[in-house]
Amino acid sequence: MAATEADVWRGAAEGSRLATERLLLRPIRPADVPVLHRLINDWDVARQLGSVAFPYPRDALEAWIARTQEERKSGRAWHLAIAARDNDRPIGVAGLTREDQTTARLGYWLGRPFWGRGYAREAAARLIRHAFDDLGFGVLTAYVADDNDASVRVLERLSFRFTHEAEHDFPSRGGAVPVRWFRLSRTEALHAAGFAAGRPGVARPLVLVAAAALVDVDGRVLLARRPEGKALAGLWEFPGGKLREGETPEAALIREMAEELGIDVAASCLAPFAFASHAYDAFHLLMPLYLCRRWRGVVKPLEGQELAWVRPQCLAAYPVPPADLPLVAMLRDLL
């Protein structure tokens, strides 16, 4: 279980994607190279990017795409192709680069044929939500060339606020270029969306998550440790995940157990036990916890997570997210 795990994002898996009304944000594939290479080798595009030369060699693009896979796995950066939802054809790139544990830098570009249609704002808004809700960042930054008024308007409409001016080296332009820096905190994003974070009793987004306490024949409980690069990294939790639209808690758990642990669980083997209702700064978590003593298959860590079978009396030795604390105590008393 992960309180902020995306319903459409599963680590570095090739099938992972973030959807909007018109777009898909998905991992960049080698097959995208011809289209992206043509789109980025446009002076009006390249001149606004602070990290590419012009012309941009194809082998440099191929090497960068290969690096994005490792960066995504390690939690250093998340670069995704912006693709049209109707045909999955790439039209640009959007990404997040980690600056520290709580801050990431947002970037994006579109091929010139796709300018002026609101795609940049649509893609950036979805990636911002992913950064705050799923990856656990508290602050996003962004910079744009001083003459890039279109991107300034996009950031301002997304509630970013200007912080300062500086210079940044633009290889495409052959030297330093004046840039404007912007900043958006999770709290500011919530206020802009009509929520007030951190105030008791004030509305905030409701996140629905289902979790399972798997109990083996020796009475031990399975805990999974959140990997680096995710929100609440290093803490231990019950396996499970966020409900998808129209999904029941039982269906979500059956799916999550297969995806995360490689086991088959029947709905009849999921016994409702307790639930957590916890207010985090950016959202309110509602999480039912089910007991499960029977499943088919061997438990395996399919998403790179660390697993531990823990005896009830030892559960307190494992640090867990705040929402899980009362559930751990109740489970220890039961078992």
Protein backbone atom coordinates (compact mmCIF):
# COMPACT_ATOMS: atom_id res chain seq x y z
CA MET A 1 0.00 0.00 0.00
CA ALA A 2 1.15 3.52 -0.68
CA ALA A 3 -0.92 6.46 0.47
CA THR A 4 0.11 8.47 -2.58
CA GLU A 5 0.72 5.75 -5.17
CA ALA A 6 -0.61 6.64 -8.61
CA ASP A 7 -3.43 4.62 -10.08
CA VAL A 8 -1.80 4.80 -13.53
CA TRP A 9 1.88 4.91 -12.62
CA ARG A 10 3.82 1.82 -11.73
CA GLY A 11 7.49 2.77 -11.31
CA ALA A 12 9.55 2.24 -14.42
CA ALA A 13 7.26 -0.27 -16.11
CA GLU A 14 6.97 0.34 -19.84
CA GLY A 15 3.18 0.20 -19.74
CA SER A 16 2.92 3.00 -17.17
CA ARG A 17 1.17 6.19 -18.20
CA LEU A 18 -0.54 9.30 -16.92
CA ALA A 19 -3.70 10.23 -18.80
CA THR A 20 -5.46 13.51 -19.49
CA GLU A 21 -8.47 14.27 -21.66
CA ARG A 22 -6.39 14.45 -24.84
CA LEU A 23 -2.92 13.23 -23.91
CA LEU A 24 -0.90 10.35 -22.50
CA LEU A 25 2.30 10.93 -20.55
CA ARG A 26 4.28 7.70 -20.79
CA PRO A 27 7.89 6.43 -20.71
CA ILE A 28 9.87 7.38 -23.78
CA ARG A 29 10.52 4.45 -26.13
CA PRO A 30 13.31 3.87 -28.66
CA ALA A 31 10.60 3.84 -31.33
CA ASP A 32 9.88 7.49 -30.47
CA VAL A 33 13.33 8.62 -31.61
CA PRO A 34 12.53 9.48 -35.27
CA VAL A 35 9.54 11.66 -34.38
CA LEU A 36 11.13 13.36 -31.37
CA HIS A 37 14.38 13.96 -33.26
CA ARG A 38 12.51 15.72 -36.03
CA LEU A 39 10.44 17.83 -33.62
CA ILE A 40 13.36 18.93 -31.46
CA ASN A 41 15.53 19.86 -34.46
CA ASP A 42 13.47 22.96 -35.03
CA TRP A 43 15.26 26.19 -34.14
CA ASP A 44 12.13 27.69 -32.57
CA VAL A 45 11.94 24.65 -30.23
CA ALA A 46 15.63 24.07 -29.50
CA ARG A 47 16.36 27.73 -28.75
CA GLN A 48 13.99 27.59 -25.76
CA LEU A 49 15.59 24.49 -24.21
CA GLY A 50 18.43 24.92 -21.74
CA SER A 51 20.04 21.52 -22.22
CA VAL A 52 20.26 20.70 -25.93
CA ALA A 53 22.53 21.73 -28.77
CA PHE A 54 21.31 22.76 -32.20
CA PRO A 55 21.33 20.80 -34.35
CA TYR A 56 20.72 17.97 -31.88
CA PRO A 57 22.43 14.73 -33.01
CA ARG A 58 20.28 11.63 -33.18
CA ASP A 59 22.78 9.55 -31.19
CA ALA A 60 22.68 12.16 -28.41
CA LEU A 61 18.90 11.83 -28.25
CA GLU A 62 19.13 8.02 -28.17
CA ALA A 63 21.68 8.14 -25.33
CA TRP A 64 19.49 10.58 -23.37
CA ILE A 65 16.42 8.36 -23.75
CA ALA A 66 18.43 5.40 -22.43
CA ARG A 67 19.49 7.49 -19.42
CA THR A 68 15.89 8.42 -18.64
CA GLN A 69 15.09 4.80 -17.88
CA GLU A 70 17.86 4.55 -15.27
CA GLU A 71 16.98 7.96 -13.81
CA ARG A 72 13.36 6.92 -13.42
CA LYS A 73 14.31 3.66 -11.70
CA SER A 74 16.65 5.46 -9.29
CA GLY A 75 14.22 8.28 -8.53
CA ARG A 76 16.53 11.00 -9.91
CA ALA A 77 14.21 12.16 -12.69
CA TRP A 78 10.96 11.30 -14.46
CA HIS A 79 10.95 12.17 -18.16
CA LEU A 80 7.90 11.16 -20.16
CA ALA A 81 6.79 11.43 -23.75
CA ILE A 82 3.75 13.63 -24.30
CA ALA A 83 1.67 11.58 -26.73
CA ALA A 84 -1.67 12.11 -28.42
CA ARG A 85 -4.22 9.91 -26.68
CA ASP A 86 -5.93 8.83 -29.86
CA ASN A 87 -2.82 7.39 -31.58
CA ASP A 88 -0.04 7.31 -28.92
CA ARG A 89 2.19 9.35 -31.24
CA PRO A 90 4.69 11.58 -29.36
CA ILE A 91 4.33 15.35 -29.71
CA GLY A 92 6.85 16.45 -27.06
CA VAL A 93 8.40 15.66 -23.69
CA ALA A 94 7.66 16.60 -20.08
CA GLY A 95 9.71 15.80 -17.03
CA LEU A 96 10.58 16.23 -13.38
CA THR A 97 14.17 16.36 -12.11
CA ARG A 98 14.82 15.87 -8.42
CA GLU A 99 16.67 18.76 -6.78
CA ASP A 100 16.45 17.44 -3.21
CA GLN A 101 14.15 15.27 -1.09
CA THR A 102 11.24 17.72 -1.30
CA THR A 103 11.87 19.72 -4.48
CA ALA A 104 11.76 18.87 -8.18
CA ARG A 105 12.22 20.97 -11.31
CA LEU A 106 9.49 20.88 -13.97
CA GLY A 107 10.29 21.02 -17.66
CA TYR A 108 8.42 20.42 -20.92
CA TRP A 109 8.52 21.08 -24.65
CA LEU A 110 6.22 20.51 -27.62
CA GLY A 111 6.86 20.27 -31.32
CA ARG A 112 5.92 23.49 -33.09
CA PRO A 113 2.94 21.95 -34.99
CA PHE A 114 1.27 21.41 -31.60
CA TRP A 115 1.67 24.90 -30.16
CA GLY A 116 -1.34 27.04 -29.34
CA ARG A 117 -3.72 24.17 -28.48
CA GLY A 118 -3.34 24.10 -24.69
CA TYR A 119 -1.33 20.87 -24.73
CA ALA A 120 1.56 22.29 -22.69
CA ARG A 121 -0.69 23.38 -19.88
CA GLU A 122 -2.66 20.11 -19.98
CA ALA A 123 0.47 17.95 -19.81
CA ALA A 124 2.19 20.10 -17.17
CA ALA A 125 -0.92 20.15 -14.96
CA ARG A 126 -1.06 16.35 -14.96
CA LEU A 127 2.64 16.05 -14.18
CA ILE A 128 2.30 18.58 -11.35
CA ARG A 129 -0.47 16.50 -9.81
CA HIS A 130 1.71 13.40 -10.14
CA ALA A 131 4.62 15.20 -8.45
CA PHE A 132 2.57 16.32 -5.46
CA ASP A 133 0.10 13.45 -5.03
CA ASP A 134 2.16 10.44 -6.09
CA LEU A 135 5.86 11.24 -5.79
CA GLY A 136 5.55 13.22 -2.56
CA PHE A 137 7.30 16.43 -3.58
CA GLY A 138 6.38 19.58 -1.68
CA VAL A 139 7.80 22.21 -4.06
CA LEU A 140 8.26 22.49 -7.81
CA THR A 141 10.51 24.96 -9.61
CA ALA A 142 10.81 25.87 -13.27
CA TYR A 143 12.82 28.27 -15.39
CA VAL A 144 12.14 29.71 -18.84
CA ALA A 145 14.14 31.90 -21.16
CA ASP A 146 13.31 35.55 -20.66
CA ASP A 147 11.91 35.80 -24.20
CA ASN A 148 9.68 32.71 -23.88
CA ASP A 149 6.42 34.50 -23.10
CA ALA A 150 4.27 31.50 -24.01
CA SER A 151 5.84 29.31 -21.32
CA VAL A 152 5.63 32.14 -18.80
CA ARG A 153 1.88 32.29 -19.42
CA VAL A 154 1.59 28.51 -19.00
CA LEU A 155 3.37 28.60 -15.64
CA GLU A 156 1.36 31.57 -14.40
CA ARG A 157 -1.92 29.87 -15.33
CA LEU A 158 -0.73 26.83 -13.35
CA SER A 159 -0.27 29.11 -10.29
CA PHE A 160 3.53 29.22 -10.36
CA ARG A 161 4.87 32.50 -9.00
CA PHE A 162 7.93 34.36 -10.24
CA THR A 163 10.87 34.29 -7.80
CA HIS A 164 13.96 35.75 -9.48
CA GLU A 165 15.96 36.32 -12.64
CA ALA A 166 19.27 34.67 -13.42
CA GLU A 167 21.34 33.40 -16.34
CA HIS A 168 21.49 29.86 -17.69
CA ASP A 169 23.72 28.35 -20.34
CA PHE A 170 21.77 27.46 -23.50
CA PRO A 171 23.96 25.28 -25.76
CA SER A 172 21.62 25.94 -28.69
CA ARG A 173 22.29 29.69 -28.41
CA GLY A 174 25.97 29.32 -27.67
CA GLY A 175 26.11 30.85 -24.21
CA ALA A 176 24.35 32.33 -21.20
CA VAL A 177 20.76 33.51 -21.59
CA PRO A 178 18.63 35.50 -19.11
CA VAL A 179 15.97 33.27 -17.54
CA ARG A 180 13.05 33.71 -15.18
CA TRP A 181 12.61 31.26 -12.29
CA PHE A 182 9.23 30.22 -10.91
CA ARG A 183 8.07 28.24 -7.87
CA LEU A 184 4.91 26.36 -6.85
CA SER A 185 4.36 24.65 -3.48
CA ARG A 186 1.86 21.89 -2.86
CA THR A 187 -0.03 24.18 -0.48
CA GLU A 188 -0.23 26.91 -3.13
CA ALA A 189 -1.48 24.39 -5.67
CA LEU A 190 -4.20 23.25 -3.28
CA HIS A 191 -5.30 26.81 -2.58
CA ALA A 192 -5.43 27.50 -6.31
CA ALA A 193 -7.64 24.42 -6.71
CA GLY A 194 -9.99 25.63 -3.98
CA PHE A 195 -8.59 23.63 -1.07
CA ALA A 196 -6.93 24.83 2.13
CA ALA A 197 -4.30 22.37 3.27
CA GLY A 198 -3.26 21.86 6.84
CA ARG A 199 -6.39 23.30 8.47
CA PRO A 200 -8.59 20.87 10.40
CA GLY A 201 -12.08 20.51 9.01
CA VAL A 202 -11.30 22.25 5.72
CA ALA A 203 -11.86 20.30 2.51
CA ARG A 204 -8.88 18.66 0.83
CA PRO A 205 -8.64 15.93 -1.81
CA LEU A 206 -9.83 12.53 -0.59
CA VAL A 207 -7.52 9.62 -1.48
CA LEU A 208 -9.08 6.15 -1.30
CA VAL A 209 -6.64 3.31 -0.68
CA ALA A 210 -7.17 -0.37 0.17
CA ALA A 211 -4.59 -2.38 2.12
CA ALA A 212 -4.22 -5.99 3.22
CA ALA A 213 -2.55 -7.56 6.24
CA LEU A 214 -1.29 -10.87 4.87
CA VAL A 215 -0.87 -13.37 7.72
CA ASP A 216 1.10 -16.57 7.10
CA VAL A 217 0.73 -19.98 8.79
CA ASP A 218 3.18 -18.90 11.52
CA GLY A 219 1.08 -15.85 12.39
CA ARG A 220 3.54 -13.38 10.85
CA VAL A 221 2.38 -10.23 9.05
CA LEU A 222 3.83 -9.02 5.75
CA LEU A 223 5.20 -5.48 5.60
CA ALA A 224 6.68 -3.76 2.54
CA ARG A 225 9.24 -0.98 2.68
CA ARG A 226 8.76 2.05 0.44
CA PRO A 227 11.77 2.45 -1.88
CA GLU A 228 13.85 5.57 -2.34
CA GLY A 229 12.35 8.10 -4.71
CA LYS A 230 8.79 7.68 -3.43
CA ALA A 231 6.89 9.65 -0.84
CA LEU A 232 7.46 8.35 2.71
CA ALA A 233 10.54 6.46 1.50
CA GLY A 234 11.96 4.02 4.03
CA LEU A 235 8.73 3.49 5.95
CA TRP A 236 7.02 0.10 6.20
CA GLU A 237 3.41 -0.43 5.20
CA PHE A 238 0.75 -3.01 4.41
CA PRO A 239 0.65 -3.94 0.69
CA GLY A 240 -2.17 -2.52 -1.37
CA GLY A 241 -2.83 0.62 -3.36
CA LYS A 242 -5.08 3.38 -4.60
CA LEU A 243 -8.52 2.57 -5.99
CA ARG A 244 -9.01 3.21 -9.67
CA GLU A 245 -12.16 4.88 -10.92
CA GLY A 246 -15.15 2.54 -10.48
CA GLU A 247 -13.07 -0.05 -8.60
CA THR A 248 -14.12 -1.64 -5.29
CA PRO A 249 -11.60 -2.04 -2.45
CA GLU A 250 -11.65 -5.81 -2.91
CA ALA A 251 -11.01 -5.55 -6.65
CA ALA A 252 -8.20 -3.08 -6.03
CA LEU A 253 -6.53 -5.45 -3.58
CA ILE A 254 -6.82 -8.44 -5.91
CA ARG A 255 -5.14 -6.38 -8.63
CA GLU A 256 -2.48 -4.93 -6.35
CA MET A 257 -1.56 -8.29 -4.83
CA ALA A 258 -0.95 -9.68 -8.31
CA GLU A 259 1.02 -6.65 -9.50
CA GLU A 260 3.09 -6.06 -6.35
CA LEU A 261 3.53 -9.57 -4.97
CA GLY A 262 2.67 -12.04 -7.73
CA ILE A 263 -0.07 -13.81 -5.76
CA ASP A 264 -3.72 -14.56 -6.48
CA VAL A 265 -6.21 -13.50 -3.82
CA ALA A 266 -9.93 -14.27 -3.88
CA ALA A 267 -12.43 -11.72 -2.64
CA SER A 268 -13.84 -14.35 -0.27
CA CYS A 269 -10.44 -14.49 1.47
CA LEU A 270 -10.43 -10.76 2.25
CA ALA A 271 -11.97 -10.08 5.66
CA PRO A 272 -12.65 -6.40 6.54
CA PHE A 273 -10.74 -5.59 9.73
CA ALA A 274 -10.44 -1.84 10.35
CA PHE A 275 -9.94 1.43 8.52
CA ALA A 276 -7.74 4.52 8.76
CA SER A 277 -8.92 8.09 8.27
CA HIS A 278 -5.95 10.43 8.36
CA ALA A 279 -5.41 14.04 7.30
CA TYR A 280 -2.09 14.57 5.58
CA ASP A 281 -1.09 18.11 4.59
CA ALA A 282 -2.07 17.72 0.95
CA PHE A 283 -4.91 15.17 1.07
CA HIS A 284 -7.14 13.14 3.37
CA LEU A 285 -6.55 9.40 3.35
CA LEU A 286 -9.34 6.87 3.80
CA MET A 287 -8.00 3.32 3.90
CA PRO A 288 -9.81 0.08 4.78
CA LEU A 289 -7.54 -2.71 6.01
CA TYR A 290 -8.42 -6.33 5.24
CA LEU A 291 -7.08 -9.52 6.79
CA CYS A 292 -5.98 -12.24 4.40
CA ARG A 293 -4.71 -15.67 5.44
CA ARG A 294 -5.10 -17.59 2.18
CA TRP A 295 -3.71 -16.92 -1.29
CA ARG A 296 -2.24 -18.79 -4.23
CA GLY A 297 1.39 -18.41 -5.26
CA VAL A 298 4.61 -17.36 -3.57
CA VAL A 299 4.99 -13.80 -2.31
CA LYS A 300 7.69 -12.00 -4.35
CA PRO A 301 8.76 -8.32 -4.43
CA LEU A 302 7.83 -7.49 -8.04
CA GLU A 303 8.31 -3.72 -7.73
CA GLY A 304 11.74 -3.60 -6.10
CA GLN A 305 10.33 -3.19 -2.61
CA GLU A 306 11.86 -4.79 0.47
CA LEU A 307 9.58 -7.29 2.22
CA ALA A 308 9.54 -8.53 5.80
CA TRP A 309 7.45 -11.17 7.56
CA VAL A 310 7.06 -9.74 11.08
CA ARG A 311 5.74 -11.36 14.24
CA PRO A 312 2.93 -9.33 15.85
CA GLN A 313 4.95 -8.47 18.97
CA CYS A 314 7.70 -7.01 16.76
CA LEU A 315 5.51 -4.77 14.59
CA ALA A 316 6.26 -1.71 16.72
CA ALA A 317 9.93 -1.93 15.74
CA TYR A 318 9.08 -1.07 12.12
CA PRO A 319 8.45 2.64 11.37
CA VAL A 320 5.19 3.09 9.48
CA PRO A 321 3.31 6.04 7.93
CA PRO A 322 1.22 8.05 10.43
CA ALA A 323 -2.06 6.68 9.06
CA ASP A 324 -0.94 3.10 9.74
CA LEU A 325 -0.04 3.53 13.41
CA PRO A 326 -3.48 2.75 14.91
CA LEU A 327 -3.93 -0.17 12.51
CA VAL A 328 -0.63 -1.71 13.59
CA ALA A 329 -1.67 -1.49 17.23
CA MET A 330 -5.07 -3.08 16.54
CA LEU A 331 -3.49 -5.86 14.50
CA ARG A 332 -0.93 -6.60 17.18
CA ASP A 333 -3.69 -6.91 19.77
CA LEU A 334 -5.72 -9.24 17.53
CA LEU A 335 -2.90 -11.61 16.66
